[in-house]
N, C-alpha and C. Protein backbone atom coordinates (compact mmCIF):
# COMPACT_ATOMS: atom_id res chain seq x y z
N UNK A 1 28.21 -47.28 0.35
CA UNK A 1 27.32 -48.10 -0.40
C UNK A 1 26.14 -47.31 -0.92
N UNK A 2 25.17 -48.00 -1.41
CA UNK A 2 23.99 -47.35 -1.98
C UNK A 2 23.22 -46.50 -0.97
N UNK A 3 23.23 -46.93 0.31
CA UNK A 3 22.51 -46.15 1.33
C UNK A 3 23.12 -44.76 1.47
N UNK A 4 24.44 -44.67 1.40
CA UNK A 4 25.11 -43.37 1.49
C UNK A 4 24.77 -42.48 0.31
N UNK A 5 24.70 -43.07 -0.88
CA UNK A 5 24.33 -42.32 -2.08
C UNK A 5 22.90 -41.78 -1.94
N UNK A 6 22.01 -42.62 -1.45
CA UNK A 6 20.61 -42.21 -1.26
C UNK A 6 20.52 -41.10 -0.22
N UNK A 7 21.26 -41.23 0.87
CA UNK A 7 21.25 -40.21 1.93
C UNK A 7 21.79 -38.88 1.40
N UNK A 8 22.85 -38.92 0.57
CA UNK A 8 23.38 -37.67 0.00
C UNK A 8 22.35 -37.01 -0.92
N UNK A 9 21.67 -37.81 -1.71
CA UNK A 9 20.62 -37.28 -2.59
C UNK A 9 19.50 -36.63 -1.80
N UNK A 10 19.10 -37.32 -0.72
CA UNK A 10 18.06 -36.76 0.14
C UNK A 10 18.56 -35.46 0.77
N UNK A 11 19.81 -35.42 1.22
CA UNK A 11 20.38 -34.22 1.83
C UNK A 11 20.40 -33.05 0.87
N UNK A 12 20.73 -33.30 -0.39
CA UNK A 12 20.73 -32.22 -1.39
C UNK A 12 19.32 -31.68 -1.63
N UNK A 13 18.36 -32.57 -1.71
CA UNK A 13 16.97 -32.14 -1.93
C UNK A 13 16.47 -31.32 -0.74
N UNK A 14 16.80 -31.76 0.47
CA UNK A 14 16.39 -31.03 1.67
C UNK A 14 17.08 -29.67 1.71
N UNK A 15 18.38 -29.62 1.38
CA UNK A 15 19.10 -28.35 1.36
C UNK A 15 18.48 -27.39 0.35
N UNK A 16 18.10 -27.88 -0.81
CA UNK A 16 17.45 -27.04 -1.82
C UNK A 16 16.12 -26.52 -1.30
N UNK A 17 15.35 -27.37 -0.64
CA UNK A 17 14.05 -26.97 -0.10
C UNK A 17 14.22 -25.92 1.00
N UNK A 18 15.23 -26.09 1.83
CA UNK A 18 15.48 -25.11 2.90
C UNK A 18 15.92 -23.77 2.31
N UNK A 19 16.70 -23.81 1.24
CA UNK A 19 17.09 -22.58 0.55
C UNK A 19 15.85 -21.90 -0.04
N UNK A 20 14.95 -22.67 -0.62
CA UNK A 20 13.70 -22.12 -1.16
C UNK A 20 12.90 -21.42 -0.05
N UNK A 21 12.83 -22.05 1.11
CA UNK A 21 12.10 -21.45 2.23
C UNK A 21 12.76 -20.15 2.69
N UNK A 22 14.07 -20.15 2.75
CA UNK A 22 14.81 -18.96 3.17
C UNK A 22 14.60 -17.81 2.19
N UNK A 23 14.67 -18.12 0.91
CA UNK A 23 14.45 -17.08 -0.10
C UNK A 23 13.01 -16.57 -0.06
N UNK A 24 12.06 -17.46 0.15
CA UNK A 24 10.65 -17.05 0.25
C UNK A 24 10.46 -16.12 1.45
N UNK A 25 11.13 -16.45 2.55
CA UNK A 25 11.03 -15.60 3.75
C UNK A 25 11.62 -14.22 3.47
N UNK A 26 12.80 -14.19 2.82
CA UNK A 26 13.46 -12.92 2.52
C UNK A 26 12.64 -12.06 1.57
N UNK A 27 11.91 -12.68 0.67
CA UNK A 27 11.14 -11.93 -0.31
C UNK A 27 9.71 -11.66 0.17
N UNK A 28 9.03 -12.70 0.65
CA UNK A 28 7.59 -12.59 0.93
C UNK A 28 7.22 -12.59 2.41
N UNK A 29 8.15 -12.93 3.30
CA UNK A 29 7.83 -13.00 4.72
C UNK A 29 7.50 -11.64 5.30
N UNK A 30 7.00 -11.60 6.52
CA UNK A 30 6.62 -10.33 7.17
C UNK A 30 7.76 -9.32 7.27
N UNK A 31 9.00 -9.78 7.24
CA UNK A 31 10.15 -8.87 7.25
C UNK A 31 10.80 -8.80 5.87
N UNK A 32 10.14 -9.40 4.87
CA UNK A 32 10.71 -9.50 3.53
C UNK A 32 10.58 -8.23 2.71
N UNK A 33 11.15 -8.30 1.53
CA UNK A 33 11.22 -7.13 0.65
C UNK A 33 9.85 -6.63 0.20
N UNK A 34 8.91 -7.52 -0.05
CA UNK A 34 7.58 -7.06 -0.48
C UNK A 34 6.91 -6.25 0.62
N UNK A 35 6.98 -6.74 1.85
CA UNK A 35 6.40 -6.00 2.98
C UNK A 35 7.11 -4.66 3.16
N UNK A 36 8.44 -4.68 3.13
CA UNK A 36 9.19 -3.43 3.30
C UNK A 36 8.85 -2.43 2.19
N UNK A 37 8.79 -2.93 0.97
CA UNK A 37 8.45 -2.03 -0.15
C UNK A 37 7.05 -1.45 -0.03
N UNK A 38 6.10 -2.27 0.39
CA UNK A 38 4.73 -1.79 0.56
C UNK A 38 4.66 -0.72 1.65
N UNK A 39 5.38 -0.95 2.73
CA UNK A 39 5.38 0.03 3.83
C UNK A 39 6.06 1.33 3.41
N UNK A 40 7.17 1.22 2.68
CA UNK A 40 7.89 2.43 2.25
C UNK A 40 7.05 3.22 1.24
N UNK A 41 6.41 2.53 0.32
CA UNK A 41 5.54 3.22 -0.64
C UNK A 41 4.39 3.92 0.09
N UNK A 42 3.83 3.27 1.10
CA UNK A 42 2.75 3.87 1.89
C UNK A 42 3.27 5.10 2.64
N UNK A 43 4.47 4.99 3.21
CA UNK A 43 5.06 6.12 3.95
C UNK A 43 5.28 7.32 3.03
N UNK A 44 5.87 7.07 1.87
CA UNK A 44 6.15 8.15 0.93
C UNK A 44 4.84 8.76 0.41
N UNK A 45 3.89 7.90 0.06
CA UNK A 45 2.59 8.40 -0.38
C UNK A 45 1.89 9.19 0.71
N UNK A 46 2.05 8.72 1.96
CA UNK A 46 1.46 9.44 3.10
C UNK A 46 2.04 10.84 3.25
N UNK A 47 3.33 10.98 2.95
CA UNK A 47 3.94 12.31 2.99
C UNK A 47 3.29 13.23 1.96
N UNK A 48 3.02 12.66 0.78
CA UNK A 48 2.34 13.45 -0.26
C UNK A 48 0.93 13.84 0.16
N UNK A 49 0.22 12.93 0.79
CA UNK A 49 -1.14 13.22 1.28
C UNK A 49 -1.08 14.31 2.34
N UNK A 50 -0.13 14.21 3.25
CA UNK A 50 0.00 15.22 4.31
C UNK A 50 0.31 16.59 3.70
N UNK A 51 1.16 16.62 2.68
CA UNK A 51 1.49 17.88 2.03
C UNK A 51 0.27 18.45 1.29
N UNK A 52 -0.52 17.59 0.68
CA UNK A 52 -1.75 18.04 0.03
C UNK A 52 -2.69 18.67 1.04
N UNK A 53 -2.84 18.01 2.19
CA UNK A 53 -3.71 18.55 3.24
C UNK A 53 -3.19 19.89 3.75
N UNK A 54 -1.88 19.95 4.01
CA UNK A 54 -1.28 21.20 4.51
C UNK A 54 -1.45 22.31 3.48
N UNK A 55 -1.21 21.99 2.22
CA UNK A 55 -1.36 22.99 1.16
C UNK A 55 -2.80 23.48 1.04
N UNK A 56 -3.76 22.57 1.18
CA UNK A 56 -5.18 22.97 1.10
C UNK A 56 -5.54 23.91 2.24
N UNK A 57 -5.07 23.58 3.44
CA UNK A 57 -5.36 24.43 4.60
C UNK A 57 -4.71 25.80 4.44
N UNK A 58 -3.45 25.81 4.00
CA UNK A 58 -2.72 27.07 3.83
C UNK A 58 -3.38 27.93 2.75
N UNK A 59 -3.69 27.30 1.60
CA UNK A 59 -4.33 28.05 0.51
C UNK A 59 -5.68 28.62 0.96
N UNK A 60 -6.42 27.84 1.75
CA UNK A 60 -7.71 28.30 2.25
C UNK A 60 -7.51 29.52 3.15
N UNK A 61 -6.57 29.42 4.08
CA UNK A 61 -6.30 30.53 5.00
C UNK A 61 -5.84 31.78 4.26
N UNK A 62 -4.94 31.61 3.30
CA UNK A 62 -4.46 32.76 2.52
C UNK A 62 -5.59 33.35 1.68
N UNK A 63 -6.39 32.47 1.12
CA UNK A 63 -7.53 32.94 0.30
C UNK A 63 -8.53 33.72 1.14
N UNK A 64 -8.79 33.24 2.35
CA UNK A 64 -9.70 33.96 3.24
C UNK A 64 -9.14 35.34 3.59
N UNK A 65 -7.86 35.39 3.89
CA UNK A 65 -7.24 36.67 4.23
C UNK A 65 -7.33 37.63 3.04
N UNK A 66 -7.05 37.14 1.85
CA UNK A 66 -7.11 37.98 0.66
C UNK A 66 -8.54 38.44 0.39
N UNK A 67 -9.51 37.53 0.53
CA UNK A 67 -10.91 37.90 0.31
C UNK A 67 -11.36 38.94 1.33
N UNK A 68 -10.94 38.80 2.58
CA UNK A 68 -11.30 39.78 3.62
C UNK A 68 -10.70 41.14 3.31
N UNK A 69 -9.44 41.16 2.91
CA UNK A 69 -8.80 42.43 2.56
C UNK A 69 -9.50 43.09 1.38
N UNK A 70 -9.84 42.29 0.41
CA UNK A 70 -10.52 42.81 -0.78
C UNK A 70 -11.90 43.37 -0.40
N UNK A 71 -12.62 42.64 0.45
CA UNK A 71 -13.95 43.11 0.88
C UNK A 71 -13.84 44.40 1.69
N UNK A 72 -12.85 44.46 2.60
CA UNK A 72 -12.67 45.69 3.38
C UNK A 72 -12.35 46.87 2.46
N UNK A 73 -11.48 46.62 1.49
CA UNK A 73 -11.14 47.69 0.54
C UNK A 73 -12.36 48.11 -0.26
N UNK A 74 -13.16 47.15 -0.67
CA UNK A 74 -14.38 47.47 -1.42
C UNK A 74 -15.37 48.26 -0.59
N UNK A 75 -15.53 47.86 0.69
CA UNK A 75 -16.45 48.59 1.57
C UNK A 75 -15.93 50.00 1.85
N UNK A 76 -14.62 50.14 2.01
CA UNK A 76 -14.06 51.49 2.19
C UNK A 76 -14.34 52.35 0.96
N UNK A 77 -14.17 51.76 -0.20
CA UNK A 77 -14.43 52.50 -1.44
C UNK A 77 -15.88 52.94 -1.54
N UNK A 78 -16.79 52.04 -1.16
CA UNK A 78 -18.22 52.37 -1.19
C UNK A 78 -18.49 53.51 -0.22
N UNK A 79 -17.92 53.41 0.98
CA UNK A 79 -18.13 54.45 1.99
C UNK A 79 -17.56 55.79 1.52
N UNK A 80 -16.38 55.77 0.92
CA UNK A 80 -15.77 57.02 0.43
C UNK A 80 -16.61 57.64 -0.70
N UNK A 81 -17.13 56.77 -1.58
CA UNK A 81 -17.96 57.30 -2.66
C UNK A 81 -19.24 57.93 -2.10
N UNK A 82 -19.81 57.28 -1.07
CA UNK A 82 -21.04 57.81 -0.47
C UNK A 82 -20.74 59.14 0.23
N UNK A 83 -19.62 59.23 0.93
CA UNK A 83 -19.24 60.48 1.61
C UNK A 83 -18.97 61.57 0.59
N UNK A 84 -18.31 61.21 -0.50
CA UNK A 84 -18.01 62.19 -1.56
C UNK A 84 -19.31 62.69 -2.19
N UNK A 85 -20.24 61.75 -2.42
CA UNK A 85 -21.52 62.15 -3.00
C UNK A 85 -22.28 63.04 -2.02
N UNK A 86 -22.21 62.73 -0.73
CA UNK A 86 -22.91 63.53 0.28
C UNK A 86 -22.29 64.92 0.36
N UNK A 87 -20.97 65.01 0.25
CA UNK A 87 -20.28 66.31 0.32
C UNK A 87 -20.67 67.16 -0.88
N UNK A 88 -20.77 66.54 -2.04
CA UNK A 88 -21.15 67.30 -3.24
C UNK A 88 -22.59 67.81 -3.13
N UNK A 89 -23.41 67.11 -2.39
CA UNK A 89 -24.79 67.53 -2.28
C UNK A 89 -25.04 68.30 -0.99
N UNK A 90 -23.97 68.77 -0.38
CA UNK A 90 -24.13 69.58 0.82
C UNK A 90 -24.38 68.72 2.05
N UNK A 91 -23.79 67.56 2.13
CA UNK A 91 -23.88 66.63 3.25
C UNK A 91 -25.30 66.14 3.53
N UNK A 92 -26.12 66.28 2.57
CA UNK A 92 -27.46 65.74 2.73
C UNK A 92 -27.49 64.37 2.04
N UNK A 93 -27.88 63.40 2.78
CA UNK A 93 -27.95 62.05 2.20
C UNK A 93 -29.28 61.92 1.48
N UNK A 94 -29.14 61.73 0.21
CA UNK A 94 -30.37 61.55 -0.56
C UNK A 94 -30.69 60.07 -0.63
N UNK A 95 -31.88 59.76 -1.00
CA UNK A 95 -32.30 58.36 -1.16
C UNK A 95 -31.48 57.68 -2.24
N UNK A 96 -31.10 58.42 -3.29
CA UNK A 96 -30.33 57.84 -4.39
C UNK A 96 -28.94 57.45 -3.90
N UNK A 97 -28.31 58.31 -3.08
CA UNK A 97 -26.97 58.02 -2.57
C UNK A 97 -27.03 56.82 -1.63
N UNK A 98 -28.00 56.81 -0.75
CA UNK A 98 -28.15 55.72 0.21
C UNK A 98 -28.43 54.42 -0.53
N UNK A 99 -29.29 54.45 -1.54
CA UNK A 99 -29.62 53.27 -2.32
C UNK A 99 -28.40 52.77 -3.08
N UNK A 100 -27.64 53.68 -3.66
CA UNK A 100 -26.43 53.29 -4.39
C UNK A 100 -25.40 52.68 -3.43
N UNK A 101 -25.33 53.26 -2.21
CA UNK A 101 -24.38 52.73 -1.22
C UNK A 101 -24.78 51.32 -0.80
N UNK A 102 -26.09 51.11 -0.59
CA UNK A 102 -26.56 49.78 -0.20
C UNK A 102 -26.30 48.76 -1.31
N UNK A 103 -26.55 49.14 -2.54
CA UNK A 103 -26.33 48.24 -3.68
C UNK A 103 -24.86 47.89 -3.80
N UNK A 104 -24.00 48.91 -3.69
CA UNK A 104 -22.56 48.67 -3.79
C UNK A 104 -22.07 47.80 -2.64
N UNK A 105 -22.58 48.08 -1.44
CA UNK A 105 -22.19 47.27 -0.28
C UNK A 105 -22.65 45.82 -0.48
N UNK A 106 -23.87 45.64 -0.97
CA UNK A 106 -24.39 44.29 -1.25
C UNK A 106 -23.54 43.57 -2.28
N UNK A 107 -23.10 44.29 -3.32
CA UNK A 107 -22.26 43.68 -4.36
C UNK A 107 -20.91 43.22 -3.77
N UNK A 108 -20.33 44.08 -2.92
CA UNK A 108 -19.05 43.72 -2.28
C UNK A 108 -19.23 42.48 -1.42
N UNK A 109 -20.30 42.46 -0.62
CA UNK A 109 -20.54 41.33 0.28
C UNK A 109 -20.86 40.05 -0.51
N UNK A 110 -21.61 40.21 -1.60
CA UNK A 110 -21.93 39.04 -2.43
C UNK A 110 -20.64 38.48 -3.06
N UNK A 111 -19.76 39.36 -3.51
CA UNK A 111 -18.47 38.93 -4.05
C UNK A 111 -17.64 38.20 -2.99
N UNK A 112 -17.65 38.74 -1.75
CA UNK A 112 -16.93 38.12 -0.65
C UNK A 112 -17.48 36.72 -0.35
N UNK A 113 -18.82 36.61 -0.32
CA UNK A 113 -19.44 35.31 -0.04
C UNK A 113 -19.12 34.30 -1.14
N UNK A 114 -19.08 34.75 -2.39
CA UNK A 114 -18.74 33.84 -3.50
C UNK A 114 -17.28 33.38 -3.37
N UNK A 115 -16.40 34.30 -2.98
CA UNK A 115 -15.01 33.90 -2.78
C UNK A 115 -14.89 32.87 -1.67
N UNK A 116 -15.66 33.07 -0.58
CA UNK A 116 -15.63 32.13 0.53
C UNK A 116 -16.13 30.75 0.08
N UNK A 117 -17.20 30.73 -0.72
CA UNK A 117 -17.73 29.45 -1.23
C UNK A 117 -16.70 28.77 -2.12
N UNK A 118 -16.06 29.54 -2.98
CA UNK A 118 -15.05 28.97 -3.89
C UNK A 118 -13.87 28.42 -3.08
N UNK A 119 -13.43 29.16 -2.08
CA UNK A 119 -12.33 28.70 -1.24
C UNK A 119 -12.70 27.42 -0.49
N UNK A 120 -13.90 27.41 0.05
CA UNK A 120 -14.37 26.23 0.79
C UNK A 120 -14.44 25.02 -0.12
N UNK A 121 -14.96 25.19 -1.33
CA UNK A 121 -15.07 24.08 -2.27
C UNK A 121 -13.69 23.60 -2.72
N UNK A 122 -12.78 24.51 -2.96
CA UNK A 122 -11.43 24.12 -3.36
C UNK A 122 -10.75 23.33 -2.25
N UNK A 123 -10.92 23.78 -1.02
CA UNK A 123 -10.35 23.07 0.13
C UNK A 123 -10.99 21.69 0.27
N UNK A 124 -12.32 21.64 0.18
CA UNK A 124 -13.04 20.37 0.31
C UNK A 124 -12.57 19.38 -0.75
N UNK A 125 -12.44 19.87 -1.98
CA UNK A 125 -12.02 19.01 -3.08
C UNK A 125 -10.60 18.50 -2.87
N UNK A 126 -9.69 19.35 -2.43
CA UNK A 126 -8.30 18.93 -2.19
C UNK A 126 -8.23 17.90 -1.06
N UNK A 127 -8.99 18.13 0.00
CA UNK A 127 -8.99 17.19 1.12
C UNK A 127 -9.63 15.86 0.72
N UNK A 128 -10.69 15.91 -0.08
CA UNK A 128 -11.32 14.67 -0.56
C UNK A 128 -10.33 13.91 -1.45
N UNK A 129 -9.61 14.63 -2.30
CA UNK A 129 -8.59 13.99 -3.13
C UNK A 129 -7.52 13.33 -2.29
N UNK A 130 -7.11 13.99 -1.21
CA UNK A 130 -6.11 13.42 -0.30
C UNK A 130 -6.66 12.15 0.36
N UNK A 131 -7.94 12.18 0.75
CA UNK A 131 -8.56 11.00 1.36
C UNK A 131 -8.61 9.83 0.37
N UNK A 132 -8.94 10.14 -0.88
CA UNK A 132 -8.99 9.10 -1.92
C UNK A 132 -7.60 8.52 -2.16
N UNK A 133 -6.60 9.39 -2.22
CA UNK A 133 -5.23 8.93 -2.40
C UNK A 133 -4.80 8.04 -1.24
N UNK A 134 -5.14 8.44 -0.02
CA UNK A 134 -4.79 7.64 1.15
C UNK A 134 -5.48 6.28 1.11
N UNK A 135 -6.75 6.26 0.68
CA UNK A 135 -7.46 4.99 0.57
C UNK A 135 -6.79 4.09 -0.47
N UNK A 136 -6.35 4.70 -1.58
CA UNK A 136 -5.64 3.92 -2.60
C UNK A 136 -4.32 3.38 -2.08
N UNK A 137 -3.59 4.19 -1.34
CA UNK A 137 -2.32 3.74 -0.76
C UNK A 137 -2.55 2.59 0.23
N UNK A 138 -3.59 2.72 1.03
CA UNK A 138 -3.92 1.69 2.02
C UNK A 138 -4.26 0.37 1.32
N UNK A 139 -5.05 0.45 0.26
CA UNK A 139 -5.43 -0.77 -0.48
C UNK A 139 -4.23 -1.38 -1.19
N UNK A 140 -3.37 -0.55 -1.75
CA UNK A 140 -2.18 -1.07 -2.42
C UNK A 140 -1.28 -1.79 -1.43
N UNK A 141 -1.12 -1.21 -0.23
CA UNK A 141 -0.30 -1.84 0.80
C UNK A 141 -0.93 -3.17 1.24
N UNK A 142 -2.24 -3.17 1.46
CA UNK A 142 -2.93 -4.39 1.88
C UNK A 142 -2.80 -5.48 0.83
N UNK A 143 -3.00 -5.10 -0.43
CA UNK A 143 -2.94 -6.06 -1.52
C UNK A 143 -1.53 -6.64 -1.68
N UNK A 144 -0.52 -5.79 -1.58
CA UNK A 144 0.86 -6.27 -1.70
C UNK A 144 1.19 -7.27 -0.59
N UNK A 145 0.76 -6.95 0.62
CA UNK A 145 1.03 -7.84 1.74
C UNK A 145 0.24 -9.15 1.61
N UNK A 146 -0.99 -9.07 1.16
CA UNK A 146 -1.79 -10.28 0.98
C UNK A 146 -1.16 -11.17 -0.09
N UNK A 147 -0.71 -10.56 -1.18
CA UNK A 147 -0.04 -11.32 -2.24
C UNK A 147 1.25 -11.96 -1.71
N UNK A 148 1.97 -11.21 -0.90
CA UNK A 148 3.20 -11.75 -0.30
C UNK A 148 2.89 -12.92 0.62
N UNK A 149 1.82 -12.78 1.41
CA UNK A 149 1.44 -13.87 2.31
C UNK A 149 1.09 -15.14 1.53
N UNK A 150 0.36 -14.96 0.43
CA UNK A 150 -0.03 -16.11 -0.39
C UNK A 150 1.22 -16.75 -1.00
N UNK A 151 2.11 -15.92 -1.54
CA UNK A 151 3.34 -16.45 -2.15
C UNK A 151 4.22 -17.14 -1.10
N UNK A 152 4.31 -16.54 0.07
CA UNK A 152 5.14 -17.12 1.14
C UNK A 152 4.58 -18.48 1.57
N UNK A 153 3.28 -18.53 1.77
CA UNK A 153 2.64 -19.77 2.18
C UNK A 153 2.83 -20.85 1.12
N UNK A 154 2.65 -20.47 -0.15
CA UNK A 154 2.83 -21.43 -1.24
C UNK A 154 4.27 -21.92 -1.35
N UNK A 155 5.22 -21.00 -1.27
CA UNK A 155 6.63 -21.38 -1.41
C UNK A 155 7.09 -22.26 -0.25
N UNK A 156 6.69 -21.91 0.96
CA UNK A 156 7.10 -22.74 2.10
C UNK A 156 6.38 -24.09 2.09
N UNK A 157 5.14 -24.09 1.64
CA UNK A 157 4.41 -25.35 1.52
C UNK A 157 5.05 -26.28 0.49
N UNK A 158 5.45 -25.71 -0.66
CA UNK A 158 6.13 -26.52 -1.68
C UNK A 158 7.47 -27.05 -1.14
N UNK A 159 8.19 -26.22 -0.40
CA UNK A 159 9.47 -26.65 0.16
C UNK A 159 9.25 -27.78 1.18
N UNK A 160 8.23 -27.66 2.00
CA UNK A 160 7.93 -28.72 2.97
C UNK A 160 7.58 -30.03 2.26
N UNK A 161 6.81 -29.92 1.17
CA UNK A 161 6.46 -31.11 0.40
C UNK A 161 7.71 -31.74 -0.22
N UNK A 162 8.63 -30.90 -0.68
CA UNK A 162 9.87 -31.39 -1.28
C UNK A 162 10.68 -32.16 -0.23
N UNK A 163 10.72 -31.65 1.00
CA UNK A 163 11.45 -32.33 2.08
C UNK A 163 10.79 -33.68 2.39
N UNK A 164 9.46 -33.69 2.51
CA UNK A 164 8.75 -34.94 2.79
C UNK A 164 8.93 -35.93 1.64
N UNK A 165 8.88 -35.41 0.42
CA UNK A 165 9.07 -36.27 -0.75
C UNK A 165 10.46 -36.89 -0.78
N UNK A 166 11.47 -36.10 -0.41
CA UNK A 166 12.84 -36.62 -0.39
C UNK A 166 12.97 -37.74 0.64
N UNK A 167 12.33 -37.55 1.79
CA UNK A 167 12.39 -38.59 2.83
C UNK A 167 11.68 -39.86 2.35
N UNK A 168 10.52 -39.71 1.74
CA UNK A 168 9.80 -40.88 1.25
C UNK A 168 10.60 -41.60 0.17
N UNK A 169 11.18 -40.82 -0.73
CA UNK A 169 11.98 -41.41 -1.81
C UNK A 169 13.16 -42.18 -1.23
N UNK A 170 13.84 -41.58 -0.25
CA UNK A 170 14.98 -42.25 0.38
C UNK A 170 14.52 -43.50 1.11
N UNK A 171 13.42 -43.41 1.84
CA UNK A 171 12.91 -44.58 2.57
C UNK A 171 12.55 -45.71 1.61
N UNK A 172 11.91 -45.37 0.49
CA UNK A 172 11.55 -46.38 -0.50
C UNK A 172 12.79 -47.01 -1.12
N UNK A 173 13.78 -46.18 -1.42
CA UNK A 173 15.01 -46.70 -2.03
C UNK A 173 15.73 -47.64 -1.07
N UNK A 174 15.82 -47.24 0.20
CA UNK A 174 16.49 -48.09 1.19
C UNK A 174 15.69 -49.37 1.40
N UNK A 175 14.36 -49.24 1.43
CA UNK A 175 13.51 -50.41 1.56
C UNK A 175 13.71 -51.34 0.37
N UNK A 176 13.84 -50.74 -0.81
CA UNK A 176 14.10 -51.54 -2.01
C UNK A 176 15.43 -52.24 -1.93
N UNK A 177 16.44 -51.55 -1.36
CA UNK A 177 17.74 -52.20 -1.18
C UNK A 177 17.62 -53.38 -0.23
N UNK A 178 16.85 -53.19 0.84
CA UNK A 178 16.66 -54.27 1.81
C UNK A 178 15.96 -55.44 1.15
N UNK A 179 14.97 -55.15 0.31
CA UNK A 179 14.24 -56.22 -0.37
C UNK A 179 15.17 -56.94 -1.31
N UNK A 180 16.02 -56.15 -2.03
CA UNK A 180 16.99 -56.76 -2.94
C UNK A 180 17.96 -57.65 -2.18
N UNK A 181 18.42 -57.21 -1.01
CA UNK A 181 19.35 -58.01 -0.21
C UNK A 181 18.66 -59.27 0.28
N UNK A 182 17.41 -59.13 0.69
CA UNK A 182 16.66 -60.30 1.16
C UNK A 182 16.46 -61.29 0.02
N UNK A 183 16.09 -60.74 -1.14
CA UNK A 183 15.88 -61.59 -2.31
C UNK A 183 17.18 -62.30 -2.69
N UNK A 184 18.29 -61.55 -2.62
CA UNK A 184 19.59 -62.16 -2.94
C UNK A 184 19.91 -63.29 -1.97
N UNK A 185 19.58 -63.09 -0.68
CA UNK A 185 19.80 -64.14 0.33
C UNK A 185 19.02 -65.39 -0.03
N UNK A 186 17.71 -65.22 -0.34
CA UNK A 186 16.88 -66.39 -0.65
C UNK A 186 17.31 -67.05 -1.96
N UNK A 187 17.72 -66.21 -2.92
CA UNK A 187 18.21 -66.80 -4.18
C UNK A 187 19.47 -67.64 -3.92
N UNK A 188 20.35 -67.11 -3.07
CA UNK A 188 21.59 -67.83 -2.74
C UNK A 188 21.26 -69.11 -1.98
N UNK A 189 20.33 -69.06 -1.05
CA UNK A 189 19.94 -70.23 -0.26
C UNK A 189 19.30 -71.28 -1.16
N UNK A 190 18.44 -70.83 -2.06
CA UNK A 190 17.80 -71.76 -2.98
C UNK A 190 18.84 -72.42 -3.88
N UNK A 191 19.75 -71.62 -4.36
CA UNK A 191 20.81 -72.17 -5.22
C UNK A 191 21.67 -73.16 -4.46
N UNK A 192 21.97 -72.86 -3.19
CA UNK A 192 22.76 -73.77 -2.37
C UNK A 192 22.01 -75.07 -2.14
N UNK A 193 20.68 -74.96 -1.85
CA UNK A 193 19.88 -76.18 -1.65
C UNK A 193 19.86 -77.02 -2.92
N UNK A 194 19.73 -76.37 -4.05
CA UNK A 194 19.70 -77.10 -5.32
C UNK A 194 21.05 -77.75 -5.57
N UNK A 195 22.09 -77.10 -5.20
CA UNK A 195 23.43 -77.65 -5.38
C UNK A 195 23.62 -78.89 -4.50
N UNK A 196 23.15 -78.75 -3.22
CA UNK A 196 23.30 -79.85 -2.28
C UNK A 196 22.49 -81.04 -2.76
N UNK A 197 21.29 -80.83 -3.23
CA UNK A 197 20.42 -81.92 -3.67
C UNK A 197 20.98 -82.54 -4.96
N UNK A 198 21.69 -81.75 -5.71
CA UNK A 198 22.22 -82.25 -6.95
C UNK A 198 23.49 -83.04 -6.76
N UNK A 199 24.11 -82.98 -5.66
CA UNK A 199 25.37 -83.71 -5.42
C UNK A 199 25.15 -85.14 -5.36
């Protein structure tokens, strides 16, 4: 009868709402695709940040080693030039040779210090860039998850409302059928009374 038709309609609406909830969970839930994608993007980005940090440290270490070798070579050259100048002058160190040696040594050391500053700044900049990238990855992950939470809450809320609406609609329809049956009873009774009185 009509009650069965109403119950089937309600069942279809509830089944659709439950499917909506299941799909929302698969897409937006804590184990859903949005969460998984956000975590995987963060993981991959984190690998890039780690490689940037490792590269900055390695480049700094290699740069320091190269600067030290260059400074040692420069100081050896200064020393050899001073010894050569002293030998040409009969091993007497003149003020001019000593002054030239000090100036050359100062130039080598100043060059070394500038290389160290440049290396330090390059490392600092690379590490700061890695920190900024990591902050961006963290915010992107947070935002994706927050958006997923909002979508999940909205989708499941709409599905719950659909289920409640189906129940109310079915209850109203069945109540309407009951009212129609009651009305039909009274109409039949009234008609019977009129018939009896008319006899």
